């Protein structure tokens, strides 16, 4: 997946988000790619995860107090709800896969 594919899929997944929030999110991720530079495109995509994960995070933030879980920084976007160590579903899945 490249930047264009990532951003196209993200835009499609955000169609049910209010226009202003969608515009801000798309601008943020476009700027994020720009700041990282074309040579770091693969790394950015790896850090962000799938467009579906990013869209789910954006949607979850719209309905909650995102500041309790997430933050934007010079190192990118982090959300403790998706931290595998914190994620109950992940812990249960790994418990059963052992």
PDB file of N, CA and C in Angstrom:
ATOM      1  N   UNK A   1       0.849  -1.170   0.000  1.00  0.00           N
ATOM      2  CA  UNK A   1       0.000   0.000   0.000  1.00  0.00           C
ATOM      3  C   UNK A   1       0.896   1.235   0.000  1.00  0.00           C
ATOM      4  N   UNK A   2       0.496   2.232  -0.773  1.00  0.00           N
ATOM      5  CA  UNK A   2       1.237   3.489  -0.786  1.00  0.00           C
ATOM      6  C   UNK A   2       0.372   4.608  -0.208  1.00  0.00           C
ATOM      7  N   UNK A   3       0.910   5.793  -0.193  1.00  0.00           N
ATOM      8  CA  UNK A   3       0.212   6.942   0.397  1.00  0.00           C
ATOM      9  C   UNK A   3      -1.135   7.192  -0.263  1.00  0.00           C
ATOM     10  N   UNK A   4      -1.168   7.195  -1.562  1.00  0.00           N
ATOM     11  CA  UNK A   4      -2.415   7.476  -2.281  1.00  0.00           C
ATOM     12  C   UNK A   4      -3.472   6.436  -1.944  1.00  0.00           C
ATOM     13  N   UNK A   5      -3.086   5.174  -1.941  1.00  0.00           N
ATOM     14  CA  UNK A   5      -4.033   4.108  -1.595  1.00  0.00           C
ATOM     15  C   UNK A   5      -4.516   4.255  -0.151  1.00  0.00           C
ATOM     16  N   UNK A   6      -3.584   4.556   0.751  1.00  0.00           N
ATOM     17  CA  UNK A   6      -3.930   4.732   2.164  1.00  0.00           C
ATOM     18  C   UNK A   6      -4.942   5.860   2.325  1.00  0.00           C
ATOM     19  N   UNK A   7      -4.646   7.012   1.741  1.00  0.00           N
ATOM     20  CA  UNK A   7      -5.502   8.184   1.901  1.00  0.00           C
ATOM     21  C   UNK A   7      -6.852   7.987   1.203  1.00  0.00           C
ATOM     22  N   UNK A   8      -6.871   7.308   0.077  1.00  0.00           N
ATOM     23  CA  UNK A   8      -8.122   7.041  -0.633  1.00  0.00           C
ATOM     24  C   UNK A   8      -9.025   6.133   0.205  1.00  0.00           C
ATOM     25  N   UNK A   9      -8.434   5.087   0.776  1.00  0.00           N
ATOM     26  CA  UNK A   9      -9.209   4.181   1.615  1.00  0.00           C
ATOM     27  C   UNK A   9      -9.691   4.891   2.879  1.00  0.00           C
ATOM     28  N   UNK A  10      -8.836   5.702   3.479  1.00  0.00           N
ATOM     29  CA  UNK A  10      -9.228   6.446   4.670  1.00  0.00           C
ATOM     30  C   UNK A  10     -10.400   7.380   4.361  1.00  0.00           C
ATOM     31  N   UNK A  11     -10.333   8.083   3.258  1.00  0.00           N
ATOM     32  CA  UNK A  11     -11.417   8.994   2.875  1.00  0.00           C
ATOM     33  C   UNK A  11     -12.727   8.230   2.699  1.00  0.00           C
ATOM     34  N   UNK A  12     -12.667   7.071   2.082  1.00  0.00           N
ATOM     35  CA  UNK A  12     -13.873   6.266   1.888  1.00  0.00           C
ATOM     36  C   UNK A  12     -14.449   5.806   3.228  1.00  0.00           C
ATOM     37  N   UNK A  13     -13.581   5.445   4.151  1.00  0.00           N
ATOM     38  CA  UNK A  13     -14.026   4.970   5.461  1.00  0.00           C
ATOM     39  C   UNK A  13     -14.588   6.087   6.341  1.00  0.00           C
ATOM     40  N   UNK A  14     -14.269   7.322   6.005  1.00  0.00           N
ATOM     41  CA  UNK A  14     -14.732   8.465   6.798  1.00  0.00           C
ATOM     42  C   UNK A  14     -15.946   9.168   6.190  1.00  0.00           C
ATOM     43  N   UNK A  15     -16.581   8.552   5.216  1.00  0.00           N
ATOM     44  CA  UNK A  15     -17.723   9.195   4.561  1.00  0.00           C
ATOM     45  C   UNK A  15     -18.879   9.486   5.508  1.00  0.00           C
ATOM     46  N   UNK A  16     -18.990   8.734   6.607  1.00  0.00           N
ATOM     47  CA  UNK A  16     -20.090   8.959   7.539  1.00  0.00           C
ATOM     48  C   UNK A  16     -19.716   9.909   8.685  1.00  0.00           C
ATOM     49  N   UNK A  17     -18.536  10.510   8.589  1.00  0.00           N
ATOM     50  CA  UNK A  17     -18.069  11.476   9.590  1.00  0.00           C
ATOM     51  C   UNK A  17     -18.454  12.877   9.102  1.00  0.00           C
ATOM     52  N   UNK A  18     -18.846  13.766  10.012  1.00  0.00           N
ATOM     53  CA  UNK A  18     -19.179  15.136   9.589  1.00  0.00           C
ATOM     54  C   UNK A  18     -18.062  15.759   8.736  1.00  0.00           C
ATOM     55  N   UNK A  19     -18.465  16.541   7.774  1.00  0.00           N
ATOM     56  CA  UNK A  19     -17.542  17.091   6.776  1.00  0.00           C
ATOM     57  C   UNK A  19     -16.337  17.784   7.397  1.00  0.00           C
ATOM     58  N   UNK A  20     -16.549  18.647   8.368  1.00  0.00           N
ATOM     59  CA  UNK A  20     -15.435  19.398   8.949  1.00  0.00           C
ATOM     60  C   UNK A  20     -14.434  18.476   9.643  1.00  0.00           C
ATOM     61  N   UNK A  21     -14.924  17.514  10.388  1.00  0.00           N
ATOM     62  CA  UNK A  21     -14.025  16.570  11.059  1.00  0.00           C
ATOM     63  C   UNK A  21     -13.264  15.721  10.043  1.00  0.00           C
ATOM     64  N   UNK A  22     -13.969  15.314   8.982  1.00  0.00           N
ATOM     65  CA  UNK A  22     -13.314  14.527   7.929  1.00  0.00           C
ATOM     66  C   UNK A  22     -12.227  15.352   7.258  1.00  0.00           C
ATOM     67  N   UNK A  23     -12.535  16.607   6.956  1.00  0.00           N
ATOM     68  CA  UNK A  23     -11.563  17.492   6.307  1.00  0.00           C
ATOM     69  C   UNK A  23     -10.328  17.676   7.195  1.00  0.00           C
ATOM     70  N   UNK A  24     -10.547  17.904   8.497  1.00  0.00           N
ATOM     71  CA  UNK A  24      -9.429  18.084   9.424  1.00  0.00           C
ATOM     72  C   UNK A  24      -8.578  16.822   9.532  1.00  0.00           C
ATOM     73  N   UNK A  25      -9.224  15.679   9.604  1.00  0.00           N
ATOM     74  CA  UNK A  25      -8.484  14.422   9.704  1.00  0.00           C
ATOM     75  C   UNK A  25      -7.659  14.167   8.449  1.00  0.00           C
ATOM     76  N   UNK A  26      -8.259  14.378   7.300  1.00  0.00           N
ATOM     77  CA  UNK A  26      -7.543  14.150   6.042  1.00  0.00           C
ATOM     78  C   UNK A  26      -6.369  15.115   5.921  1.00  0.00           C
ATOM     79  N   UNK A  27      -6.572  16.364   6.333  1.00  0.00           N
ATOM     80  CA  UNK A  27      -5.482  17.338   6.296  1.00  0.00           C
ATOM     81  C   UNK A  27      -4.359  16.920   7.229  1.00  0.00           C
ATOM     82  N   UNK A  28      -4.728  16.473   8.429  1.00  0.00           N
ATOM     83  CA  UNK A  28      -3.715  16.043   9.390  1.00  0.00           C
ATOM     84  C   UNK A  28      -2.858  14.914   8.805  1.00  0.00           C
ATOM     85  N   UNK A  29      -3.488  13.892   8.242  1.00  0.00           N
ATOM     86  CA  UNK A  29      -2.714  12.754   7.732  1.00  0.00           C
ATOM     87  C   UNK A  29      -1.944  13.107   6.464  1.00  0.00           C
ATOM     88  N   UNK A  30      -2.481  13.992   5.633  1.00  0.00           N
ATOM     89  CA  UNK A  30      -1.707  14.475   4.481  1.00  0.00           C
ATOM     90  C   UNK A  30      -0.470  15.232   4.953  1.00  0.00           C
ATOM     91  N   UNK A  31      -0.640  16.095   5.945  1.00  0.00           N
ATOM     92  CA  UNK A  31       0.500  16.829   6.495  1.00  0.00           C
ATOM     93  C   UNK A  31       1.511  15.876   7.126  1.00  0.00           C
ATOM     94  N   UNK A  32       1.007  14.846   7.785  1.00  0.00           N
ATOM     95  CA  UNK A  32       1.879  13.859   8.420  1.00  0.00           C
ATOM     96  C   UNK A  32       2.771  13.195   7.371  1.00  0.00           C
ATOM     97  N   UNK A  33       2.174  12.783   6.258  1.00  0.00           N
ATOM     98  CA  UNK A  33       2.952  12.192   5.164  1.00  0.00           C
ATOM     99  C   UNK A  33       3.931  13.214   4.596  1.00  0.00           C
ATOM    100  N   UNK A  34       3.479  14.452   4.394  1.00  0.00           N
ATOM    101  CA  UNK A  34       4.356  15.489   3.852  1.00  0.00           C
ATOM    102  C   UNK A  34       5.566  15.720   4.754  1.00  0.00           C
ATOM    103  N   UNK A  35       5.310  15.831   6.060  1.00  0.00           N
ATOM    104  CA  UNK A  35       6.395  16.084   7.012  1.00  0.00           C
ATOM    105  C   UNK A  35       7.405  14.943   7.050  1.00  0.00           C
ATOM    106  N   UNK A  36       6.924  13.726   6.892  1.00  0.00           N
ATOM    107  CA  UNK A  36       7.820  12.566   6.932  1.00  0.00           C
ATOM    108  C   UNK A  36       8.665  12.468   5.668  1.00  0.00           C
ATOM    109  N   UNK A  37       8.133  12.931   4.574  1.00  0.00           N
ATOM    110  CA  UNK A  37       8.854  12.865   3.311  1.00  0.00           C
ATOM    111  C   UNK A  37       8.550  11.583   2.556  1.00  0.00           C
ATOM    112  N   UNK A  38       8.646  11.673   1.255  1.00  0.00           N
ATOM    113  CA  UNK A  38       8.327  10.542   0.380  1.00  0.00           C
ATOM    114  C   UNK A  38       9.176   9.311   0.691  1.00  0.00           C
ATOM    115  N   UNK A  39      10.428   9.547   1.094  1.00  0.00           N
ATOM    116  CA  UNK A  39      11.325   8.428   1.374  1.00  0.00           C
ATOM    117  C   UNK A  39      10.914   7.636   2.620  1.00  0.00           C
ATOM    118  N   UNK A  40      10.055   8.219   3.450  1.00  0.00           N
ATOM    119  CA  UNK A  40       9.601   7.550   4.676  1.00  0.00           C
ATOM    120  C   UNK A  40       8.148   7.093   4.605  1.00  0.00           C
ATOM    121  N   UNK A  41       7.583   7.065   3.411  1.00  0.00           N
ATOM    122  CA  UNK A  41       6.177   6.712   3.227  1.00  0.00           C
ATOM    123  C   UNK A  41       5.844   5.334   3.812  1.00  0.00           C
ATOM    124  N   UNK A  42       6.654   4.349   3.541  1.00  0.00           N
ATOM    125  CA  UNK A  42       6.396   2.998   4.057  1.00  0.00           C
ATOM    126  C   UNK A  42       6.425   2.972   5.576  1.00  0.00           C
ATOM    127  N   UNK A  43       7.351   3.692   6.170  1.00  0.00           N
ATOM    128  CA  UNK A  43       7.459   3.743   7.626  1.00  0.00           C
ATOM    129  C   UNK A  43       6.217   4.400   8.235  1.00  0.00           C
ATOM    130  N   UNK A  44       5.737   5.464   7.621  1.00  0.00           N
ATOM    131  CA  UNK A  44       4.545   6.156   8.115  1.00  0.00           C
ATOM    132  C   UNK A  44       3.350   5.211   8.084  1.00  0.00           C
ATOM    133  N   UNK A  45       3.183   4.507   6.986  1.00  0.00           N
ATOM    134  CA  UNK A  45       2.059   3.577   6.860  1.00  0.00           C
ATOM    135  C   UNK A  45       2.169   2.477   7.906  1.00  0.00           C
ATOM    136  N   UNK A  46       3.373   2.004   8.141  1.00  0.00           N
ATOM    137  CA  UNK A  46       3.589   0.983   9.166  1.00  0.00           C
ATOM    138  C   UNK A  46       3.231   1.515  10.553  1.00  0.00           C
ATOM    139  N   UNK A  47       3.623   2.742  10.849  1.00  0.00           N
ATOM    140  CA  UNK A  47       3.336   3.353  12.148  1.00  0.00           C
ATOM    141  C   UNK A  47       1.839   3.578  12.348  1.00  0.00           C
ATOM    142  N   UNK A  48       1.164   4.027  11.306  1.00  0.00           N
ATOM    143  CA  UNK A  48      -0.257   4.335  11.427  1.00  0.00           C
ATOM    144  C   UNK A  48      -1.116   3.083  11.501  1.00  0.00           C
ATOM    145  N   UNK A  49      -0.676   2.029  10.865  1.00  0.00           N
ATOM    146  CA  UNK A  49      -1.502   0.833  10.777  1.00  0.00           C
ATOM    147  C   UNK A  49      -2.430   0.950   9.584  1.00  0.00           C
ATOM    148  N   UNK A  50      -3.489   0.207   9.598  1.00  0.00           N
ATOM    149  CA  UNK A  50      -4.407   0.193   8.458  1.00  0.00           C
ATOM    150  C   UNK A  50      -5.290   1.445   8.455  1.00  0.00           C
ATOM    151  N   UNK A  51      -5.770   1.830   7.269  1.00  0.00           N
ATOM    152  CA  UNK A  51      -6.724   2.942   7.208  1.00  0.00           C
ATOM    153  C   UNK A  51      -7.974   2.654   8.048  1.00  0.00           C
ATOM    154  N   UNK A  52      -8.362   1.395   8.138  1.00  0.00           N
ATOM    155  CA  UNK A  52      -9.532   1.025   8.943  1.00  0.00           C
ATOM    156  C   UNK A  52      -9.283   1.325  10.420  1.00  0.00           C
ATOM    157  N   UNK A  53      -8.088   1.062  10.897  1.00  0.00           N
ATOM    158  CA  UNK A  53      -7.746   1.351  12.291  1.00  0.00           C
ATOM    159  C   UNK A  53      -7.755   2.859  12.536  1.00  0.00           C
ATOM    160  N   UNK A  54      -7.187   3.607  11.620  1.00  0.00           N
ATOM    161  CA  UNK A  54      -7.161   5.068  11.748  1.00  0.00           C
ATOM    162  C   UNK A  54      -8.588   5.618  11.743  1.00  0.00           C
ATOM    163  N   UNK A  55      -9.416   5.138  10.819  1.00  0.00           N
ATOM    164  CA  UNK A  55     -10.805   5.598  10.744  1.00  0.00           C
ATOM    165  C   UNK A  55     -11.567   5.243  12.017  1.00  0.00           C
ATOM    166  N   UNK A  56     -11.357   4.053  12.536  1.00  0.00           N
ATOM    167  CA  UNK A  56     -12.029   3.643  13.770  1.00  0.00           C
ATOM    168  C   UNK A  56     -11.623   4.542  14.929  1.00  0.00           C
ATOM    169  N   UNK A  57     -10.365   4.902  14.984  1.00  0.00           N
ATOM    170  CA  UNK A  57      -9.875   5.786  16.040  1.00  0.00           C
ATOM    171  C   UNK A  57     -10.508   7.166  15.926  1.00  0.00           C
ATOM    172  N   UNK A  58     -10.564   7.688  14.727  1.00  0.00           N
ATOM    173  CA  UNK A  58     -11.165   9.005  14.497  1.00  0.00           C
ATOM    174  C   UNK A  58     -12.632   8.984  14.918  1.00  0.00           C
ATOM    175  N   UNK A  59     -13.345   7.957  14.504  1.00  0.00           N
ATOM    176  CA  UNK A  59     -14.767   7.850  14.842  1.00  0.00           C
ATOM    177  C   UNK A  59     -14.967   7.694  16.346  1.00  0.00           C
ATOM    178  N   UNK A  60     -14.129   6.901  16.980  1.00  0.00           N
ATOM    179  CA  UNK A  60     -14.226   6.718  18.427  1.00  0.00           C
ATOM    180  C   UNK A  60     -13.963   8.038  19.146  1.00  0.00           C
ATOM    181  N   UNK A  61     -13.013   8.800  18.643  1.00  0.00           N
ATOM    182  CA  UNK A  61     -12.679  10.082  19.255  1.00  0.00           C
ATOM    183  C   UNK A  61     -13.822  11.085  19.149  1.00  0.00           C
ATOM    184  N   UNK A  62     -14.596  10.992  18.108  1.00  0.00           N
ATOM    185  CA  UNK A  62     -15.717  11.912  17.933  1.00  0.00           C
ATOM    186  C   UNK A  62     -16.795  11.674  18.982  1.00  0.00           C
ATOM    187  N   UNK A  63     -16.884  10.448  19.490  1.00  0.00           N
ATOM    188  CA  UNK A  63     -17.924  10.127  20.445  1.00  0.00           C
ATOM    189  C   UNK A  63     -17.443  10.031  21.880  1.00  0.00           C
ATOM    190  N   UNK A  64     -16.180  10.367  22.133  1.00  0.00           N
ATOM    191  CA  UNK A  64     -15.653  10.257  23.489  1.00  0.00           C
ATOM    192  C   UNK A  64     -14.726  11.416  23.790  1.00  0.00           C
ATOM    193  N   UNK A  65     -14.204  11.406  24.969  1.00  0.00           N
ATOM    194  CA  UNK A  65     -13.189  12.377  25.346  1.00  0.00           C
ATOM    195  C   UNK A  65     -11.841  11.814  24.921  1.00  0.00           C
ATOM    196  N   UNK A  66     -11.450  12.055  23.688  1.00  0.00           N
ATOM    197  CA  UNK A  66     -10.236  11.476  23.141  1.00  0.00           C
ATOM    198  C   UNK A  66      -9.006  11.840  23.941  1.00  0.00           C
ATOM    199  N   UNK A  67      -9.015  12.985  24.568  1.00  0.00           N
ATOM    200  CA  UNK A  67      -7.864  13.408  25.346  1.00  0.00           C
ATOM    201  C   UNK A  67      -7.520  12.442  26.461  1.00  0.00           C
ATOM    202  N   UNK A  68      -8.490  11.645  26.885  1.00  0.00           N
ATOM    203  CA  UNK A  68      -8.236  10.654  27.916  1.00  0.00           C
ATOM    204  C   UNK A  68      -7.364   9.512  27.405  1.00  0.00           C
ATOM    205  N   UNK A  69      -7.360   9.294  26.101  1.00  0.00           N
ATOM    206  CA  UNK A  69      -6.686   8.144  25.510  1.00  0.00           C
ATOM    207  C   UNK A  69      -5.608   8.495  24.492  1.00  0.00           C
ATOM    208  N   UNK A  70      -5.840   9.578  23.757  1.00  0.00           N
ATOM    209  CA  UNK A  70      -5.044   9.802  22.560  1.00  0.00           C
ATOM    210  C   UNK A  70      -4.388  11.171  22.562  1.00  0.00           C
ATOM    211  N   UNK A  71      -3.319  11.244  21.765  1.00  0.00           N
ATOM    212  CA  UNK A  71      -2.678  12.536  21.580  1.00  0.00           C
ATOM    213  C   UNK A  71      -1.925  12.561  20.254  1.00  0.00           C
ATOM    214  N   UNK A  72      -1.854  13.754  19.686  1.00  0.00           N
ATOM    215  CA  UNK A  72      -1.040  14.007  18.512  1.00  0.00           C
ATOM    216  C   UNK A  72       0.251  14.633  19.007  1.00  0.00           C
ATOM    217  N   UNK A  73       1.381  14.170  18.498  1.00  0.00           N
ATOM    218  CA  UNK A  73       2.658  14.747  18.887  1.00  0.00           C
ATOM    219  C   UNK A  73       3.593  14.721  17.692  1.00  0.00           C
ATOM    220  N   UNK A  74       4.818  15.219  17.909  1.00  0.00           N
ATOM    221  CA  UNK A  74       5.799  15.190  16.824  1.00  0.00           C
ATOM    222  C   UNK A  74       6.164  13.763  16.433  1.00  0.00           C
ATOM    223  N   UNK A  75       5.834  12.800  17.271  1.00  0.00           N
ATOM    224  CA  UNK A  75       6.097  11.392  16.975  1.00  0.00           C
ATOM    225  C   UNK A  75       4.909  10.699  16.341  1.00  0.00           C
ATOM    226  N   UNK A  76       3.826  11.431  16.079  1.00  0.00           N
ATOM    227  CA  UNK A  76       2.658  10.855  15.451  1.00  0.00           C
ATOM    228  C   UNK A  76       1.487  10.777  16.405  1.00  0.00           C
ATOM    229  N   UNK A  77       0.530   9.984  16.049  1.00  0.00           N
ATOM    230  CA  UNK A  77      -0.692   9.831  16.823  1.00  0.00           C
ATOM    231  C   UNK A  77      -0.584   8.580  17.670  1.00  0.00           C
ATOM    232  N   UNK A  78      -0.891   8.697  18.942  1.00  0.00           N
ATOM    233  CA  UNK A  78      -0.901   7.526  19.808  1.00  0.00           C
ATOM    234  C   UNK A  78      -2.246   7.449  20.509  1.00  0.00           C
ATOM    235  N   UNK A  79      -2.708   6.232  20.716  1.00  0.00           N
ATOM    236  CA  UNK A  79      -3.993   6.007  21.360  1.00  0.00           C
ATOM    237  C   UNK A  79      -3.863   4.758  22.210  1.00  0.00           C
ATOM    238  N   UNK A  80      -3.941   4.931  23.514  1.00  0.00           N
ATOM    239  CA  UNK A  80      -3.730   3.804  24.420  1.00  0.00           C
ATOM    240  C   UNK A  80      -4.791   2.726  24.267  1.00  0.00           C
ATOM    241  N   UNK A  81      -5.937   3.060  23.683  1.00  0.00           N
ATOM    242  CA  UNK A  81      -6.959   2.030  23.469  1.00  0.00           C
ATOM    243  C   UNK A  81      -6.497   0.983  22.481  1.00  0.00           C
ATOM    244  N   UNK A  82      -5.506   1.315  21.645  1.00  0.00           N
ATOM    245  CA  UNK A  82      -5.002   0.368  20.666  1.00  0.00           C
ATOM    246  C   UNK A  82      -3.652  -0.205  21.056  1.00  0.00           C
ATOM    247  N   UNK A  83      -3.201   0.104  22.254  1.00  0.00           N
ATOM    248  CA  UNK A  83      -1.962  -0.468  22.769  1.00  0.00           C
ATOM    249  C   UNK A  83      -2.237  -1.929  23.094  1.00  0.00           C
ATOM    250  N   UNK A  84      -1.523  -2.821  22.467  1.00  0.00           N
ATOM    251  CA  UNK A  84      -1.797  -4.249  22.628  1.00  0.00           C
ATOM    252  C   UNK A  84      -1.691  -4.704  24.074  1.00  0.00           C
ATOM    253  N   UNK A  85      -0.831  -4.087  24.844  1.00  0.00           N
ATOM    254  CA  UNK A  85      -0.681  -4.465  26.237  1.00  0.00           C
ATOM    255  C   UNK A  85      -1.922  -4.089  27.038  1.00  0.00           C
ATOM    256  N   UNK A  86      -2.630  -3.061  26.605  1.00  0.00           N
ATOM    257  CA  UNK A  86      -3.804  -2.577  27.310  1.00  0.00           C
ATOM    258  C   UNK A  86      -5.096  -3.189  26.787  1.00  0.00           C
ATOM    259  N   UNK A  87      -5.054  -3.745  25.620  1.00  0.00           N
ATOM    260  CA  UNK A  87      -6.250  -4.183  24.924  1.00  0.00           C
ATOM    261  C   UNK A  87      -6.712  -5.552  25.425  1.00  0.00           C
ATOM    262  N   UNK A  88      -7.852  -5.598  26.099  1.00  0.00           N
ATOM    263  CA  UNK A  88      -8.371  -6.838  26.667  1.00  0.00           C
ATOM    264  C   UNK A  88      -8.620  -7.874  25.580  1.00  0.00           C
ATOM    265  N   UNK A  89      -9.172  -7.476  24.453  1.00  0.00           N
ATOM    266  CA  UNK A  89      -9.429  -8.415  23.373  1.00  0.00           C
ATOM    267  C   UNK A  89      -8.134  -9.055  22.917  1.00  0.00           C
ATOM    268  N   UNK A  90      -7.081  -8.250  22.757  1.00  0.00           N
ATOM    269  CA  UNK A  90      -5.792  -8.790  22.342  1.00  0.00           C
ATOM    270  C   UNK A  90      -5.268  -9.783  23.373  1.00  0.00           C
ATOM    271  N   UNK A  91      -5.368  -9.430  24.648  1.00  0.00           N
ATOM    272  CA  UNK A  91      -4.883 -10.343  25.688  1.00  0.00           C
ATOM    273  C   UNK A  91      -5.646 -11.658  25.641  1.00  0.00           C
ATOM    274  N   UNK A  92      -6.956 -11.588  25.454  1.00  0.00           N
ATOM    275  CA  UNK A  92      -7.754 -12.811  25.374  1.00  0.00           C
ATOM    276  C   UNK A  92      -7.397 -13.624  24.149  1.00  0.00           C
ATOM    277  N   UNK A  93      -7.173 -12.958  23.024  1.00  0.00           N
ATOM    278  CA  UNK A  93      -6.820 -13.673  21.797  1.00  0.00           C
ATOM    279  C   UNK A  93      -5.473 -14.370  21.964  1.00  0.00           C
ATOM    280  N   UNK A  94      -4.506 -13.716  22.560  1.00  0.00           N
ATOM    281  CA  UNK A  94      -3.194 -14.346  22.712  1.00  0.00           C
ATOM    282  C   UNK A  94      -3.251 -15.461  23.726  1.00  0.00           C
ATOM    283  N   UNK A  95      -4.105 -15.335  24.727  1.00  0.00           N
ATOM    284  CA  UNK A  95      -4.247 -16.389  25.731  1.00  0.00           C
ATOM    285  C   UNK A  95      -4.760 -17.675  25.075  1.00  0.00           C
ATOM    286  N   UNK A  96      -5.722 -17.530  24.161  1.00  0.00           N
ATOM    287  CA  UNK A  96      -6.295 -18.703  23.529  1.00  0.00           C
ATOM    288  C   UNK A  96      -5.445 -19.258  22.387  1.00  0.00           C
ATOM    289  N   UNK A  97      -4.539 -18.471  21.891  1.00  0.00           N
ATOM    290  CA  UNK A  97      -3.694 -18.939  20.778  1.00  0.00           C
ATOM    291  C   UNK A  97      -2.446 -19.651  21.261  1.00  0.00           C
ATOM    292  N   UNK A  98      -2.193 -19.615  22.560  1.00  0.00           N
ATOM    293  CA  UNK A  98      -0.987 -20.257  23.081  1.00  0.00           C
ATOM    294  C   UNK A  98      -1.176 -21.746  23.227  1.00  0.00           C
TER     295      UNK A  98
END
